[in-house]
Amino acid sequence: MDTLSKAKKIRKKYEKILMRKKGVVGCAVGYKHVAGKKTDQLCIVCYVIEKIPEDQLDEGDLVPPVIEGIPTDVIESGGMKAL
């Protein structure tokens, strides 16, 4: 299985769990950002209303850095509305 297919499968498997975390408003497969720049590394992206420092979140609300071998990224997006 290629990396994109694996990332999509894992995102689908964990989306409901990730969406229950505080502030998460969306999940997708995308590219990891490092120091504000997009890399070519596929990841599971969790969009949040506002990024909150890890030490201010309950452990259960932290997005894990890796899920089944696929890295994650947390991107501040503000709120989202379905069209």
C-alpha atoms as a PDB file:
ATOM      1  CA  MET A   1       0.000   0.000   0.000  1.00  0.00           C
ATOM      2  CA  ASP A   2       1.431   3.407  -0.911  1.00  0.00           C
ATOM      3  CA  THR A   3       1.827   6.158   1.687  1.00  0.00           C
ATOM      4  CA  LEU A   4      -1.137   8.231   0.454  1.00  0.00           C
ATOM      5  CA  SER A   5      -3.519   5.270   0.584  1.00  0.00           C
ATOM      6  CA  LYS A   6      -2.223   4.312   4.046  1.00  0.00           C
ATOM      7  CA  ALA A   7      -2.642   7.896   5.327  1.00  0.00           C
ATOM      8  CA  LYS A   8      -6.215   8.088   3.981  1.00  0.00           C
ATOM      9  CA  LYS A   9      -7.117   4.746   5.565  1.00  0.00           C
ATOM     10  CA  ILE A  10      -5.678   5.751   8.945  1.00  0.00           C
ATOM     11  CA  ARG A  11      -7.348   9.188   8.848  1.00  0.00           C
ATOM     12  CA  LYS A  12     -10.702   7.556   8.196  1.00  0.00           C
ATOM     13  CA  LYS A  13     -10.127   5.040  11.001  1.00  0.00           C
ATOM     14  CA  TYR A  14      -9.233   7.712  13.607  1.00  0.00           C
ATOM     15  CA  GLU A  15     -11.281  10.730  12.437  1.00  0.00           C
ATOM     16  CA  LYS A  16     -14.084  10.340  15.004  1.00  0.00           C
ATOM     17  CA  ILE A  17     -11.549  10.064  17.838  1.00  0.00           C
ATOM     18  CA  LEU A  18      -9.584  13.099  16.626  1.00  0.00           C
ATOM     19  CA  MET A  19     -12.755  15.179  16.135  1.00  0.00           C
ATOM     20  CA  ARG A  20     -13.665  14.677  19.822  1.00  0.00           C
ATOM     21  CA  LYS A  21     -10.468  16.400  20.934  1.00  0.00           C
ATOM     22  CA  LYS A  22     -10.839  19.947  22.235  1.00  0.00           C
ATOM     23  CA  GLY A  23     -10.837  22.548  19.456  1.00  0.00           C
ATOM     24  CA  VAL A  24     -10.499  20.130  16.508  1.00  0.00           C
ATOM     25  CA  VAL A  25     -12.850  21.183  13.700  1.00  0.00           C
ATOM     26  CA  GLY A  26     -11.565  19.059  10.826  1.00  0.00           C
ATOM     27  CA  CYS A  27      -9.214  16.284   9.723  1.00  0.00           C
ATOM     28  CA  ALA A  28      -7.586  15.644   6.363  1.00  0.00           C
ATOM     29  CA  VAL A  29      -4.559  14.138   4.693  1.00  0.00           C
ATOM     30  CA  GLY A  30      -2.050  16.808   3.730  1.00  0.00           C
ATOM     31  CA  TYR A  31       1.566  17.819   4.020  1.00  0.00           C
ATOM     32  CA  LYS A  32       3.393  18.492   7.265  1.00  0.00           C
ATOM     33  CA  HIS A  33       4.421  22.072   8.004  1.00  0.00           C
ATOM     34  CA  VAL A  34       7.706  22.821   9.744  1.00  0.00           C
ATOM     35  CA  ALA A  35       8.499  26.382  10.832  1.00  0.00           C
ATOM     36  CA  GLY A  36       5.506  27.595   8.802  1.00  0.00           C
ATOM     37  CA  LYS A  37       6.667  25.956   5.560  1.00  0.00           C
ATOM     38  CA  LYS A  38       5.025  23.012   3.852  1.00  0.00           C
ATOM     39  CA  THR A  39       7.215  19.926   3.462  1.00  0.00           C
ATOM     40  CA  ASP A  40       6.752  16.955   1.137  1.00  0.00           C
ATOM     41  CA  GLN A  41       5.947  14.638   4.079  1.00  0.00           C
ATOM     42  CA  LEU A  42       2.370  13.305   4.018  1.00  0.00           C
ATOM     43  CA  CYS A  43       0.558  13.493   7.321  1.00  0.00           C
ATOM     44  CA  ILE A  44      -2.828  13.545   8.976  1.00  0.00           C
ATOM     45  CA  VAL A  45      -3.747  17.189   9.495  1.00  0.00           C
ATOM     46  CA  CYS A  46      -5.975  18.212  12.395  1.00  0.00           C
ATOM     47  CA  TYR A  47      -7.461  21.668  11.973  1.00  0.00           C
ATOM     48  CA  VAL A  48      -8.162  23.521  15.219  1.00  0.00           C
ATOM     49  CA  ILE A  49      -9.991  26.745  15.998  1.00  0.00           C
ATOM     50  CA  GLU A  50      -6.999  28.011  17.957  1.00  0.00           C
ATOM     51  CA  LYS A  51      -3.676  26.384  18.818  1.00  0.00           C
ATOM     52  CA  ILE A  52      -3.349  25.970  22.568  1.00  0.00           C
ATOM     53  CA  PRO A  53      -0.026  25.170  24.267  1.00  0.00           C
ATOM     54  CA  GLU A  54       0.244  21.468  25.113  1.00  0.00           C
ATOM     55  CA  ASP A  55       0.678  22.178  28.822  1.00  0.00           C
ATOM     56  CA  GLN A  56      -2.780  23.820  28.852  1.00  0.00           C
ATOM     57  CA  LEU A  57      -4.572  20.787  27.384  1.00  0.00           C
ATOM     58  CA  ASP A  58      -5.713  17.621  29.108  1.00  0.00           C
ATOM     59  CA  GLU A  59      -3.684  14.615  27.995  1.00  0.00           C
ATOM     60  CA  GLY A  60      -6.771  13.191  26.258  1.00  0.00           C
ATOM     61  CA  ASP A  61      -7.057  16.302  24.076  1.00  0.00           C
ATOM     62  CA  LEU A  62      -3.514  16.111  22.685  1.00  0.00           C
ATOM     63  CA  VAL A  63      -3.200  15.026  19.059  1.00  0.00           C
ATOM     64  CA  PRO A  64      -0.568  12.280  19.006  1.00  0.00           C
ATOM     65  CA  PRO A  65       2.542  13.134  16.948  1.00  0.00           C
ATOM     66  CA  VAL A  66       2.238   9.856  15.000  1.00  0.00           C
ATOM     67  CA  ILE A  67      -0.694   7.506  14.376  1.00  0.00           C
ATOM     68  CA  GLU A  68       0.132   4.018  13.085  1.00  0.00           C
ATOM     69  CA  GLY A  69       3.357   5.289  11.527  1.00  0.00           C
ATOM     70  CA  ILE A  70       1.818   8.375   9.870  1.00  0.00           C
ATOM     71  CA  PRO A  71       2.858  11.752  11.350  1.00  0.00           C
ATOM     72  CA  THR A  72       0.263  14.315  12.345  1.00  0.00           C
ATOM     73  CA  ASP A  73       0.180  18.093  12.121  1.00  0.00           C
ATOM     74  CA  VAL A  74      -2.049  20.587  13.929  1.00  0.00           C
ATOM     75  CA  ILE A  75      -2.988  23.665  11.909  1.00  0.00           C
ATOM     76  CA  GLU A  76      -4.865  26.673  13.285  1.00  0.00           C
ATOM     77  CA  SER A  77      -7.748  27.411  10.927  1.00  0.00           C
ATOM     78  CA  GLY A  78     -10.364  29.187  13.007  1.00  0.00           C
ATOM     79  CA  GLY A  79     -13.923  27.900  12.810  1.00  0.00           C
ATOM     80  CA  MET A  80     -15.343  26.020   9.828  1.00  0.00           C
ATOM     81  CA  LYS A  81     -18.854  25.896   8.369  1.00  0.00           C
ATOM     82  CA  ALA A  82     -20.368  23.345   6.040  1.00  0.00           C
ATOM     83  CA  LEU A  83     -21.566  24.880   2.803  1.00  0.00           C
END
